[in-house]
Amino acid sequence: MKKAEVYMYDKLSGILTEDEDGFHFKYDNSYLHSDYAEPISLTLPLSEEVYTSKVMFPFFDGLIPEGWLLDIAQKNWKLDPRDRMEVLLKTCRDCIGAVSIKEI
């Protein structure tokens, strides 16, 4: 099982998990009830429910670099491009934008 903390503006917003059943995202309860809570994506609105998908959520997949930058990451970290969670964990710690990913 692979797990990651998802941060929005440097505040823990939730946990992303990959297991044998697919991908799961759950917002952190303290984040949900805070004054600064906002959804990380329009496709993942604020909710106490766990989001589940058989494939990587499109929002998270969209954070992964493409083209020559992905080629460099694959060579440097010996990543399998089909293992989207591993690529996300290694390349999205310091993303452009509000969201960042930290491996647990």
N, C-alpha and C. Protein backbone atom coordinates (compact mmCIF):
# COMPACT_ATOMS: atom_id res chain seq x y z
N MET A 1 0.84 -1.17 0.00
CA MET A 1 0.00 0.00 0.00
C MET A 1 0.89 1.24 0.00
N LYS A 2 0.50 2.22 -0.81
CA LYS A 2 1.22 3.49 -0.88
C LYS A 2 0.30 4.58 -0.36
N LYS A 3 0.88 5.49 0.43
CA LYS A 3 0.10 6.57 1.01
C LYS A 3 0.82 7.90 0.85
N ALA A 4 0.02 8.95 0.74
CA ALA A 4 0.58 10.29 0.62
C ALA A 4 -0.29 11.30 1.36
N GLU A 5 0.37 12.27 1.95
CA GLU A 5 -0.34 13.42 2.51
C GLU A 5 -0.50 14.43 1.38
N VAL A 6 -1.69 15.01 1.31
CA VAL A 6 -1.97 16.02 0.29
C VAL A 6 -2.09 17.36 1.00
N TYR A 7 -1.32 18.33 0.55
CA TYR A 7 -1.31 19.66 1.16
C TYR A 7 -1.91 20.69 0.22
N MET A 8 -2.68 21.60 0.80
CA MET A 8 -3.24 22.74 0.06
C MET A 8 -2.71 23.98 0.75
N TYR A 9 -1.91 24.76 0.03
CA TYR A 9 -1.26 25.95 0.62
C TYR A 9 -0.52 25.58 1.90
N ASP A 10 0.23 24.52 1.89
CA ASP A 10 1.05 24.05 3.02
C ASP A 10 0.24 23.60 4.24
N LYS A 11 -1.05 23.36 4.06
CA LYS A 11 -1.88 22.83 5.15
C LYS A 11 -2.36 21.44 4.75
N LEU A 12 -2.22 20.49 5.66
CA LEU A 12 -2.64 19.12 5.37
C LEU A 12 -4.13 19.11 5.06
N SER A 13 -4.49 18.68 3.85
CA SER A 13 -5.90 18.67 3.46
C SER A 13 -6.47 17.26 3.41
N GLY A 14 -5.63 16.24 3.22
CA GLY A 14 -6.16 14.89 3.15
C GLY A 14 -5.08 13.85 2.90
N ILE A 15 -5.55 12.61 2.77
CA ILE A 15 -4.66 11.47 2.54
C ILE A 15 -5.09 10.74 1.26
N LEU A 16 -4.12 10.48 0.40
CA LEU A 16 -4.33 9.70 -0.81
C LEU A 16 -3.69 8.34 -0.60
N THR A 17 -4.42 7.27 -0.91
CA THR A 17 -3.94 5.92 -0.70
C THR A 17 -4.14 5.09 -1.97
N GLU A 18 -3.19 4.21 -2.25
CA GLU A 18 -3.37 3.21 -3.30
C GLU A 18 -3.22 1.85 -2.65
N ASP A 19 -4.20 0.97 -2.87
CA ASP A 19 -4.13 -0.40 -2.39
C ASP A 19 -4.66 -1.34 -3.48
N GLU A 20 -4.88 -2.58 -3.14
CA GLU A 20 -5.32 -3.57 -4.14
C GLU A 20 -6.70 -3.26 -4.71
N ASP A 21 -7.48 -2.40 -4.04
CA ASP A 21 -8.81 -2.04 -4.52
C ASP A 21 -8.82 -0.77 -5.36
N GLY A 22 -7.70 -0.10 -5.46
CA GLY A 22 -7.62 1.13 -6.25
C GLY A 22 -7.10 2.29 -5.44
N PHE A 23 -7.62 3.47 -5.75
CA PHE A 23 -7.17 4.71 -5.13
C PHE A 23 -8.27 5.27 -4.24
N HIS A 24 -7.86 5.89 -3.13
CA HIS A 24 -8.80 6.45 -2.17
C HIS A 24 -8.26 7.81 -1.72
N PHE A 25 -9.17 8.78 -1.64
CA PHE A 25 -8.80 10.08 -1.10
C PHE A 25 -9.81 10.47 -0.03
N LYS A 26 -9.29 10.91 1.12
CA LYS A 26 -10.14 11.35 2.23
C LYS A 26 -9.60 12.67 2.76
N TYR A 27 -10.50 13.65 2.86
CA TYR A 27 -10.12 14.92 3.45
C TYR A 27 -9.87 14.74 4.94
N ASP A 28 -8.90 15.47 5.45
CA ASP A 28 -8.59 15.49 6.87
C ASP A 28 -9.73 16.21 7.61
N ASN A 29 -10.21 15.63 8.71
CA ASN A 29 -11.34 16.21 9.45
C ASN A 29 -11.05 17.62 9.96
N SER A 30 -9.85 17.86 10.47
CA SER A 30 -9.54 19.20 10.97
C SER A 30 -9.50 20.21 9.83
N TYR A 31 -9.05 19.77 8.64
CA TYR A 31 -9.06 20.64 7.47
C TYR A 31 -10.50 20.97 7.07
N LEU A 32 -11.35 19.95 7.02
CA LEU A 32 -12.75 20.15 6.63
C LEU A 32 -13.46 21.17 7.51
N HIS A 33 -13.14 21.18 8.80
CA HIS A 33 -13.85 22.03 9.73
C HIS A 33 -13.12 23.36 10.01
N SER A 34 -12.08 23.63 9.25
CA SER A 34 -11.32 24.86 9.44
C SER A 34 -11.94 26.00 8.61
N ASP A 35 -11.57 27.22 8.94
CA ASP A 35 -12.06 28.39 8.22
C ASP A 35 -11.45 28.50 6.82
N TYR A 36 -10.30 27.91 6.62
CA TYR A 36 -9.59 28.02 5.35
C TYR A 36 -9.85 26.84 4.40
N ALA A 37 -10.75 25.93 4.76
CA ALA A 37 -11.01 24.75 3.93
C ALA A 37 -11.55 25.14 2.56
N GLU A 38 -10.94 24.56 1.54
CA GLU A 38 -11.44 24.68 0.17
C GLU A 38 -11.07 23.39 -0.55
N PRO A 39 -11.89 23.01 -1.53
CA PRO A 39 -11.59 21.75 -2.22
C PRO A 39 -10.27 21.82 -2.98
N ILE A 40 -9.58 20.69 -3.04
CA ILE A 40 -8.32 20.67 -3.80
C ILE A 40 -8.61 20.66 -5.30
N SER A 41 -9.83 20.27 -5.66
CA SER A 41 -10.24 20.18 -7.06
C SER A 41 -11.75 20.27 -7.14
N LEU A 42 -12.26 20.75 -8.26
CA LEU A 42 -13.71 20.76 -8.47
C LEU A 42 -14.27 19.35 -8.54
N THR A 43 -13.43 18.40 -8.94
CA THR A 43 -13.88 17.01 -9.03
C THR A 43 -13.80 16.28 -7.70
N LEU A 44 -13.21 16.92 -6.67
CA LEU A 44 -13.12 16.36 -5.33
C LEU A 44 -13.63 17.40 -4.33
N PRO A 45 -14.95 17.68 -4.36
CA PRO A 45 -15.48 18.70 -3.45
C PRO A 45 -15.33 18.30 -1.98
N LEU A 46 -15.36 19.28 -1.10
CA LEU A 46 -15.24 19.01 0.33
C LEU A 46 -16.33 18.03 0.76
N SER A 47 -15.91 16.97 1.44
CA SER A 47 -16.84 15.94 1.89
C SER A 47 -16.16 15.10 2.96
N GLU A 48 -16.95 14.57 3.86
CA GLU A 48 -16.41 13.66 4.86
C GLU A 48 -16.32 12.23 4.32
N GLU A 49 -16.91 11.98 3.17
CA GLU A 49 -16.89 10.66 2.54
C GLU A 49 -15.52 10.40 1.91
N VAL A 50 -15.19 9.12 1.76
CA VAL A 50 -13.95 8.72 1.08
C VAL A 50 -14.24 8.61 -0.41
N TYR A 51 -13.41 9.26 -1.22
CA TYR A 51 -13.51 9.13 -2.67
C TYR A 51 -12.72 7.89 -3.08
N THR A 52 -13.29 7.07 -3.97
CA THR A 52 -12.64 5.84 -4.40
C THR A 52 -12.69 5.74 -5.92
N SER A 53 -11.60 5.22 -6.50
CA SER A 53 -11.53 5.05 -7.94
C SER A 53 -10.62 3.87 -8.27
N LYS A 54 -10.92 3.16 -9.34
CA LYS A 54 -10.06 2.06 -9.78
C LYS A 54 -8.78 2.57 -10.44
N VAL A 55 -8.82 3.80 -10.96
CA VAL A 55 -7.65 4.41 -11.59
C VAL A 55 -7.30 5.69 -10.84
N MET A 56 -6.10 6.20 -11.07
CA MET A 56 -5.66 7.45 -10.42
C MET A 56 -6.67 8.55 -10.73
N PHE A 57 -7.06 9.30 -9.70
CA PHE A 57 -7.99 10.41 -9.89
C PHE A 57 -7.39 11.37 -10.92
N PRO A 58 -8.19 11.83 -11.89
CA PRO A 58 -7.64 12.71 -12.93
C PRO A 58 -6.92 13.94 -12.38
N PHE A 59 -7.42 14.51 -11.28
CA PHE A 59 -6.76 15.68 -10.71
C PHE A 59 -5.31 15.36 -10.34
N PHE A 60 -5.10 14.25 -9.62
CA PHE A 60 -3.74 13.88 -9.20
C PHE A 60 -2.89 13.47 -10.39
N ASP A 61 -3.48 12.78 -11.35
CA ASP A 61 -2.75 12.38 -12.55
C ASP A 61 -2.27 13.62 -13.32
N GLY A 62 -3.06 14.67 -13.26
CA GLY A 62 -2.70 15.90 -13.94
C GLY A 62 -1.54 16.64 -13.31
N LEU A 63 -1.21 16.32 -12.06
CA LEU A 63 -0.06 16.94 -11.39
C LEU A 63 1.27 16.36 -11.87
N ILE A 64 1.23 15.16 -12.42
CA ILE A 64 2.44 14.46 -12.85
C ILE A 64 3.04 15.15 -14.07
N PRO A 65 4.35 15.40 -14.07
CA PRO A 65 4.97 16.04 -15.23
C PRO A 65 4.85 15.18 -16.49
N GLU A 66 5.02 15.84 -17.61
CA GLU A 66 4.93 15.16 -18.90
C GLU A 66 6.17 15.44 -19.72
N GLY A 67 6.27 14.73 -20.83
CA GLY A 67 7.32 15.00 -21.81
C GLY A 67 8.73 14.81 -21.28
N TRP A 68 9.60 15.74 -21.65
CA TRP A 68 11.02 15.61 -21.30
C TRP A 68 11.23 15.64 -19.80
N LEU A 69 10.39 16.37 -19.06
CA LEU A 69 10.55 16.42 -17.60
C LEU A 69 10.23 15.06 -16.97
N LEU A 70 9.21 14.39 -17.48
CA LEU A 70 8.90 13.04 -17.01
C LEU A 70 10.02 12.07 -17.38
N ASP A 71 10.59 12.22 -18.57
CA ASP A 71 11.71 11.37 -18.99
C ASP A 71 12.90 11.50 -18.03
N ILE A 72 13.20 12.73 -17.63
CA ILE A 72 14.31 12.96 -16.70
C ILE A 72 14.01 12.32 -15.35
N ALA A 73 12.78 12.49 -14.85
CA ALA A 73 12.40 11.90 -13.56
C ALA A 73 12.48 10.38 -13.61
N GLN A 74 12.03 9.79 -14.70
CA GLN A 74 12.07 8.33 -14.83
C GLN A 74 13.51 7.82 -14.82
N LYS A 75 14.39 8.51 -15.50
CA LYS A 75 15.79 8.08 -15.55
C LYS A 75 16.48 8.27 -14.20
N ASN A 76 16.26 9.42 -13.57
CA ASN A 76 16.94 9.71 -12.31
C ASN A 76 16.47 8.83 -11.16
N TRP A 77 15.17 8.56 -11.10
CA TRP A 77 14.61 7.79 -9.98
C TRP A 77 14.23 6.37 -10.38
N LYS A 78 14.53 6.01 -11.64
CA LYS A 78 14.22 4.66 -12.14
C LYS A 78 12.74 4.32 -11.91
N LEU A 79 11.87 5.19 -12.39
CA LEU A 79 10.43 5.05 -12.19
C LEU A 79 9.79 4.31 -13.35
N ASP A 80 8.79 3.52 -13.04
CA ASP A 80 7.96 2.87 -14.05
C ASP A 80 6.83 3.84 -14.39
N PRO A 81 6.74 4.33 -15.62
CA PRO A 81 5.72 5.33 -15.96
C PRO A 81 4.29 4.81 -15.79
N ARG A 82 4.10 3.51 -15.74
CA ARG A 82 2.75 2.94 -15.54
C ARG A 82 2.35 2.95 -14.07
N ASP A 83 3.32 3.11 -13.15
CA ASP A 83 3.03 3.18 -11.72
C ASP A 83 2.79 4.65 -11.37
N ARG A 84 1.57 5.11 -11.63
CA ARG A 84 1.26 6.53 -11.50
C ARG A 84 1.42 7.03 -10.06
N MET A 85 1.10 6.20 -9.09
CA MET A 85 1.23 6.63 -7.69
C MET A 85 2.69 6.87 -7.34
N GLU A 86 3.57 5.98 -7.76
CA GLU A 86 5.00 6.15 -7.47
C GLU A 86 5.54 7.40 -8.17
N VAL A 87 5.14 7.62 -9.40
CA VAL A 87 5.58 8.82 -10.12
C VAL A 87 5.06 10.07 -9.41
N LEU A 88 3.81 10.03 -8.97
CA LEU A 88 3.23 11.16 -8.22
C LEU A 88 4.02 11.43 -6.94
N LEU A 89 4.31 10.37 -6.20
CA LEU A 89 5.03 10.53 -4.93
C LEU A 89 6.42 11.12 -5.12
N LYS A 90 7.09 10.73 -6.18
CA LYS A 90 8.48 11.18 -6.39
C LYS A 90 8.58 12.55 -7.04
N THR A 91 7.57 12.94 -7.83
CA THR A 91 7.72 14.17 -8.61
C THR A 91 6.85 15.34 -8.15
N CYS A 92 5.93 15.12 -7.23
CA CYS A 92 4.96 16.18 -6.90
C CYS A 92 5.08 16.71 -5.47
N ARG A 93 6.25 16.60 -4.92
CA ARG A 93 6.45 17.15 -3.57
C ARG A 93 6.38 18.68 -3.58
N ASP A 94 6.87 19.28 -4.65
CA ASP A 94 6.88 20.73 -4.77
C ASP A 94 6.31 21.12 -6.13
N CYS A 95 5.00 21.01 -6.26
CA CYS A 95 4.32 21.28 -7.52
C CYS A 95 4.14 22.78 -7.74
N ILE A 96 3.90 23.14 -8.98
CA ILE A 96 3.47 24.50 -9.28
C ILE A 96 2.00 24.58 -8.89
N GLY A 97 1.64 25.57 -8.13
CA GLY A 97 0.26 25.71 -7.71
C GLY A 97 0.10 25.48 -6.22
N ALA A 98 -1.13 25.31 -5.80
CA ALA A 98 -1.47 25.26 -4.37
C ALA A 98 -1.29 23.88 -3.75
N VAL A 99 -1.33 22.83 -4.55
CA VAL A 99 -1.33 21.46 -4.01
C VAL A 99 0.07 20.85 -4.09
N SER A 100 0.45 20.15 -3.04
CA SER A 100 1.69 19.37 -3.04
C SER A 100 1.44 18.02 -2.38
N ILE A 101 2.30 17.07 -2.68
CA ILE A 101 2.16 15.70 -2.25
C ILE A 101 3.39 15.30 -1.44
N LYS A 102 3.17 14.64 -0.31
CA LYS A 102 4.29 14.18 0.52
C LYS A 102 4.07 12.70 0.84
N GLU A 103 5.04 11.88 0.49
CA GLU A 103 4.94 10.44 0.75
C GLU A 103 4.94 10.17 2.24
N ILE A 104 4.09 9.23 2.65
CA ILE A 104 4.05 8.80 4.05
C ILE A 104 4.89 7.56 4.18
